[in-house]
Amino acid sequence: MKITRLPILALALVAAATTFVGASQASAQSIRVNIGPPGPPPGYHEHRWGRPGPGAVWIEGHREWDGGQWIWVGGYWAYPPRPGMVWFPGHWHHGYWHPGHWGY
């Protein structure tokens, strides 16, 4: 008698687990979970001091998550590493910071 009940009980547990997993996967598709730090607080207006020379580009300041808190990384003037390059500013996209970079 025990031999018959054990496979039935095992089959019932597998069916219940499959139903639970299927339901949790379906509901997870409609719920957005944000793991990680909250978005940065608003930035503030920086004073741009005088351009150091022709061709210098202002790199805007931004906030970065560091050691459990948001820190402000101040803006600065920079020169392109090669002639003709332009600065593509950093930006937030889907909760991730994509740093600025030089490119063509």
N, C-alpha and C. Protein backbone atom coordinates (compact mmCIF):
# COMPACT_ATOMS: atom_id res chain seq x y z
N MET A 1 0.82 -1.19 0.00
CA MET A 1 0.00 0.00 0.00
C MET A 1 0.86 1.25 0.00
N LYS A 2 1.95 1.25 0.77
CA LYS A 2 2.83 2.41 0.81
C LYS A 2 3.50 2.65 -0.54
N ILE A 3 3.80 1.61 -1.25
CA ILE A 3 4.45 1.74 -2.55
C ILE A 3 3.53 2.48 -3.52
N THR A 4 2.24 2.24 -3.46
CA THR A 4 1.28 2.90 -4.34
C THR A 4 1.11 4.36 -3.95
N ARG A 5 1.04 4.68 -2.70
CA ARG A 5 0.83 6.05 -2.26
C ARG A 5 2.05 6.93 -2.53
N LEU A 6 3.24 6.41 -2.41
CA LEU A 6 4.45 7.21 -2.60
C LEU A 6 4.54 7.78 -4.02
N PRO A 7 4.36 7.00 -5.10
CA PRO A 7 4.40 7.59 -6.44
C PRO A 7 3.28 8.60 -6.66
N ILE A 8 2.09 8.36 -6.10
CA ILE A 8 0.98 9.30 -6.26
C ILE A 8 1.31 10.60 -5.55
N LEU A 9 1.86 10.52 -4.34
CA LEU A 9 2.24 11.72 -3.58
C LEU A 9 3.35 12.48 -4.32
N ALA A 10 4.33 11.76 -4.85
CA ALA A 10 5.42 12.41 -5.60
C ALA A 10 4.88 13.09 -6.84
N LEU A 11 3.96 12.45 -7.54
CA LEU A 11 3.36 13.03 -8.74
C LEU A 11 2.56 14.28 -8.38
N ALA A 12 1.83 14.24 -7.27
CA ALA A 12 1.05 15.41 -6.83
C ALA A 12 1.98 16.57 -6.47
N LEU A 13 3.10 16.29 -5.82
CA LEU A 13 4.06 17.35 -5.47
C LEU A 13 4.69 17.96 -6.72
N VAL A 14 5.02 17.15 -7.69
CA VAL A 14 5.60 17.66 -8.95
C VAL A 14 4.57 18.53 -9.67
N ALA A 15 3.32 18.10 -9.71
CA ALA A 15 2.28 18.88 -10.36
C ALA A 15 2.07 20.22 -9.66
N ALA A 16 2.07 20.21 -8.32
CA ALA A 16 1.90 21.46 -7.56
C ALA A 16 3.08 22.39 -7.79
N ALA A 17 4.28 21.85 -7.78
CA ALA A 17 5.47 22.68 -8.00
C ALA A 17 5.46 23.28 -9.41
N THR A 18 5.07 22.49 -10.39
CA THR A 18 5.01 23.00 -11.77
C THR A 18 3.98 24.11 -11.88
N THR A 19 2.86 23.96 -11.25
CA THR A 19 1.82 25.00 -11.26
C THR A 19 2.33 26.26 -10.59
N PHE A 20 3.00 26.12 -9.44
CA PHE A 20 3.52 27.28 -8.71
C PHE A 20 4.58 28.01 -9.53
N VAL A 21 5.50 27.27 -10.12
CA VAL A 21 6.56 27.89 -10.92
C VAL A 21 5.97 28.58 -12.14
N GLY A 22 5.02 27.94 -12.81
CA GLY A 22 4.38 28.56 -13.97
C GLY A 22 3.66 29.84 -13.60
N ALA A 23 2.95 29.85 -12.47
CA ALA A 23 2.23 31.05 -12.03
C ALA A 23 3.20 32.16 -11.64
N SER A 24 4.30 31.81 -10.97
CA SER A 24 5.24 32.85 -10.56
C SER A 24 5.97 33.44 -11.77
N GLN A 25 6.24 32.64 -12.79
CA GLN A 25 6.87 33.17 -14.00
C GLN A 25 5.92 34.10 -14.74
N ALA A 26 4.65 33.76 -14.78
CA ALA A 26 3.67 34.61 -15.47
C ALA A 26 3.52 35.94 -14.75
N SER A 27 3.49 35.92 -13.42
CA SER A 27 3.32 37.18 -12.70
C SER A 27 4.60 38.01 -12.70
N ALA A 28 5.75 37.37 -12.79
CA ALA A 28 7.01 38.11 -12.81
C ALA A 28 7.15 38.94 -14.09
N GLN A 29 6.48 38.54 -15.14
CA GLN A 29 6.56 39.29 -16.39
C GLN A 29 5.85 40.63 -16.28
N SER A 30 4.89 40.75 -15.39
CA SER A 30 4.14 41.99 -15.29
C SER A 30 4.59 42.87 -14.13
N ILE A 31 5.56 42.42 -13.34
CA ILE A 31 6.05 43.20 -12.21
C ILE A 31 7.47 43.65 -12.49
N ARG A 32 7.73 44.94 -12.31
CA ARG A 32 9.08 45.45 -12.50
C ARG A 32 9.76 45.53 -11.15
N VAL A 33 10.90 44.87 -11.03
CA VAL A 33 11.65 44.87 -9.79
C VAL A 33 12.93 45.67 -10.02
N ASN A 34 13.12 46.69 -9.21
CA ASN A 34 14.30 47.53 -9.33
C ASN A 34 15.27 47.15 -8.21
N ILE A 35 16.36 46.51 -8.58
CA ILE A 35 17.36 46.11 -7.60
C ILE A 35 18.55 47.04 -7.77
N GLY A 36 19.03 47.56 -6.68
CA GLY A 36 20.16 48.48 -6.73
C GLY A 36 19.79 49.81 -6.12
N PRO A 37 20.66 50.77 -6.27
CA PRO A 37 20.41 52.07 -5.63
C PRO A 37 19.26 52.80 -6.29
N PRO A 38 18.60 53.67 -5.53
CA PRO A 38 17.56 54.49 -6.14
C PRO A 38 18.20 55.46 -7.13
N GLY A 39 17.39 56.04 -8.01
CA GLY A 39 17.92 57.00 -8.98
C GLY A 39 18.62 58.15 -8.28
N PRO A 40 19.53 58.81 -8.98
CA PRO A 40 20.28 59.90 -8.35
C PRO A 40 19.40 61.10 -8.10
N PRO A 41 19.75 61.88 -7.07
CA PRO A 41 19.02 63.12 -6.86
C PRO A 41 19.33 64.07 -8.00
N PRO A 42 18.52 65.10 -8.18
CA PRO A 42 18.76 66.02 -9.29
C PRO A 42 20.15 66.65 -9.19
N GLY A 43 20.73 66.92 -10.33
CA GLY A 43 22.02 67.60 -10.36
C GLY A 43 21.85 69.06 -10.03
N TYR A 44 22.89 69.78 -10.10
CA TYR A 44 22.80 71.22 -9.86
C TYR A 44 23.61 71.94 -10.91
N HIS A 45 23.33 73.21 -11.04
CA HIS A 45 23.99 74.02 -12.07
C HIS A 45 25.43 74.31 -11.65
N GLU A 46 26.35 73.97 -12.53
CA GLU A 46 27.76 74.25 -12.27
C GLU A 46 28.17 75.52 -13.00
N HIS A 47 29.05 76.24 -12.41
CA HIS A 47 29.61 77.42 -13.07
C HIS A 47 30.77 76.95 -13.94
N ARG A 48 30.67 77.23 -15.23
CA ARG A 48 31.78 76.90 -16.14
C ARG A 48 32.77 78.04 -16.11
N TRP A 49 33.94 77.76 -15.68
CA TRP A 49 34.97 78.80 -15.72
C TRP A 49 35.43 78.97 -17.15
N GLY A 50 36.23 79.95 -17.43
CA GLY A 50 36.65 80.27 -18.80
C GLY A 50 37.29 79.11 -19.53
N ARG A 51 37.00 79.03 -20.82
CA ARG A 51 37.57 77.99 -21.67
C ARG A 51 39.09 78.15 -21.69
N PRO A 52 39.82 77.07 -21.43
CA PRO A 52 41.28 77.18 -21.37
C PRO A 52 41.95 77.44 -22.72
N GLY A 53 41.27 77.10 -23.80
CA GLY A 53 41.86 77.31 -25.12
C GLY A 53 40.95 76.82 -26.21
N PRO A 54 41.29 77.14 -27.47
CA PRO A 54 40.45 76.69 -28.59
C PRO A 54 40.37 75.16 -28.63
N GLY A 55 39.19 74.65 -28.93
CA GLY A 55 39.00 73.21 -29.06
C GLY A 55 38.65 72.50 -27.77
N ALA A 56 38.72 73.20 -26.62
CA ALA A 56 38.37 72.55 -25.35
C ALA A 56 36.86 72.32 -25.30
N VAL A 57 36.46 71.19 -24.72
CA VAL A 57 35.05 70.80 -24.62
C VAL A 57 34.69 70.67 -23.14
N TRP A 58 33.53 71.21 -22.77
CA TRP A 58 33.07 71.09 -21.38
C TRP A 58 32.43 69.72 -21.17
N ILE A 59 32.93 68.97 -20.19
CA ILE A 59 32.38 67.67 -19.80
C ILE A 59 31.49 67.93 -18.58
N GLU A 60 30.17 67.74 -18.74
CA GLU A 60 29.21 68.03 -17.67
C GLU A 60 29.45 67.15 -16.45
N GLY A 61 29.18 67.73 -15.27
CA GLY A 61 29.23 66.96 -14.04
C GLY A 61 28.03 66.02 -13.95
N HIS A 62 28.13 65.01 -13.11
CA HIS A 62 27.05 64.05 -12.92
C HIS A 62 27.21 63.37 -11.56
N ARG A 63 26.19 62.66 -11.15
CA ARG A 63 26.25 61.90 -9.89
C ARG A 63 26.60 60.45 -10.19
N GLU A 64 27.38 59.85 -9.28
CA GLU A 64 27.72 58.43 -9.36
C GLU A 64 27.47 57.79 -8.01
N TRP A 65 27.09 56.51 -8.05
CA TRP A 65 26.86 55.74 -6.82
C TRP A 65 28.20 55.20 -6.35
N ASP A 66 28.59 55.54 -5.11
CA ASP A 66 29.90 55.14 -4.62
C ASP A 66 29.82 54.90 -3.11
N GLY A 67 30.14 53.72 -2.68
CA GLY A 67 30.17 53.42 -1.25
C GLY A 67 28.84 53.59 -0.55
N GLY A 68 27.74 53.30 -1.24
CA GLY A 68 26.43 53.38 -0.61
C GLY A 68 25.81 54.76 -0.62
N GLN A 69 26.37 55.67 -1.37
CA GLN A 69 25.79 57.02 -1.44
C GLN A 69 26.08 57.64 -2.80
N TRP A 70 25.29 58.66 -3.14
CA TRP A 70 25.50 59.40 -4.37
C TRP A 70 26.54 60.47 -4.14
N ILE A 71 27.51 60.56 -5.04
CA ILE A 71 28.52 61.61 -4.97
C ILE A 71 28.46 62.42 -6.26
N TRP A 72 28.83 63.68 -6.17
CA TRP A 72 28.85 64.55 -7.35
C TRP A 72 30.24 64.53 -7.94
N VAL A 73 30.32 64.24 -9.25
CA VAL A 73 31.57 64.31 -9.99
C VAL A 73 31.48 65.60 -10.81
N GLY A 74 32.31 66.56 -10.46
CA GLY A 74 32.23 67.88 -11.08
C GLY A 74 32.64 67.89 -12.54
N GLY A 75 32.08 68.86 -13.27
CA GLY A 75 32.41 69.03 -14.67
C GLY A 75 33.81 69.61 -14.85
N TYR A 76 34.32 69.50 -16.07
CA TYR A 76 35.68 69.99 -16.34
C TYR A 76 35.86 70.20 -17.85
N TRP A 77 36.89 70.93 -18.21
CA TRP A 77 37.25 71.14 -19.61
C TRP A 77 38.21 70.04 -20.04
N ALA A 78 38.06 69.56 -21.26
CA ALA A 78 38.95 68.53 -21.79
C ALA A 78 39.17 68.77 -23.28
N TYR A 79 40.26 68.24 -23.78
CA TYR A 79 40.56 68.32 -25.21
C TYR A 79 40.36 66.94 -25.84
N PRO A 80 39.83 66.89 -27.06
CA PRO A 80 39.67 65.59 -27.73
C PRO A 80 41.01 64.88 -27.86
N PRO A 81 41.02 63.56 -27.68
CA PRO A 81 42.27 62.82 -27.79
C PRO A 81 42.84 62.81 -29.21
N ARG A 82 41.98 62.94 -30.23
CA ARG A 82 42.42 62.99 -31.63
C ARG A 82 41.59 64.04 -32.37
N PRO A 83 42.13 64.65 -33.38
CA PRO A 83 41.37 65.65 -34.14
C PRO A 83 40.07 65.06 -34.71
N GLY A 84 39.02 65.84 -34.65
CA GLY A 84 37.74 65.44 -35.21
C GLY A 84 36.84 64.66 -34.27
N MET A 85 37.34 64.27 -33.10
CA MET A 85 36.50 63.52 -32.16
C MET A 85 35.57 64.47 -31.43
N VAL A 86 34.39 63.95 -31.06
CA VAL A 86 33.40 64.73 -30.31
C VAL A 86 33.07 63.99 -29.02
N TRP A 87 32.56 64.74 -28.04
CA TRP A 87 32.19 64.16 -26.75
C TRP A 87 30.73 63.75 -26.75
N PHE A 88 30.45 62.50 -26.42
CA PHE A 88 29.09 62.00 -26.24
C PHE A 88 28.84 61.93 -24.74
N PRO A 89 27.93 62.78 -24.22
CA PRO A 89 27.73 62.85 -22.77
C PRO A 89 27.18 61.55 -22.19
N GLY A 90 27.49 61.32 -20.91
CA GLY A 90 26.94 60.17 -20.19
C GLY A 90 25.44 60.35 -20.00
N HIS A 91 24.76 59.24 -19.78
CA HIS A 91 23.31 59.29 -19.59
C HIS A 91 22.83 58.06 -18.83
N TRP A 92 21.66 58.20 -18.20
CA TRP A 92 21.02 57.08 -17.51
C TRP A 92 20.08 56.40 -18.49
N HIS A 93 20.10 55.06 -18.49
CA HIS A 93 19.21 54.28 -19.35
C HIS A 93 18.80 53.01 -18.60
N HIS A 94 17.52 52.87 -18.31
CA HIS A 94 16.98 51.70 -17.59
C HIS A 94 17.72 51.45 -16.27
N GLY A 95 18.00 52.51 -15.54
CA GLY A 95 18.62 52.37 -14.23
C GLY A 95 20.12 52.18 -14.23
N TYR A 96 20.75 52.28 -15.37
CA TYR A 96 22.21 52.11 -15.44
C TYR A 96 22.84 53.38 -15.99
N TRP A 97 23.98 53.75 -15.44
CA TRP A 97 24.73 54.91 -15.91
C TRP A 97 25.66 54.47 -17.03
N HIS A 98 25.53 55.11 -18.17
CA HIS A 98 26.42 54.87 -19.31
C HIS A 98 27.34 56.08 -19.39
N PRO A 99 28.60 55.94 -19.03
CA PRO A 99 29.50 57.09 -18.98
C PRO A 99 29.72 57.73 -20.36
N GLY A 100 30.05 59.01 -20.33
CA GLY A 100 30.36 59.71 -21.58
C GLY A 100 31.64 59.17 -22.19
N HIS A 101 31.81 59.43 -23.49
CA HIS A 101 33.00 58.94 -24.17
C HIS A 101 33.28 59.79 -25.41
N TRP A 102 34.49 59.72 -25.87
CA TRP A 102 34.89 60.38 -27.11
C TRP A 102 34.61 59.46 -28.27
N GLY A 103 34.17 60.02 -29.39
CA GLY A 103 33.91 59.20 -30.57
C GLY A 103 33.82 60.09 -31.81
N TYR A 104 33.54 59.46 -32.94
CA TYR A 104 33.42 60.17 -34.21
C TYR A 104 31.97 60.26 -34.63
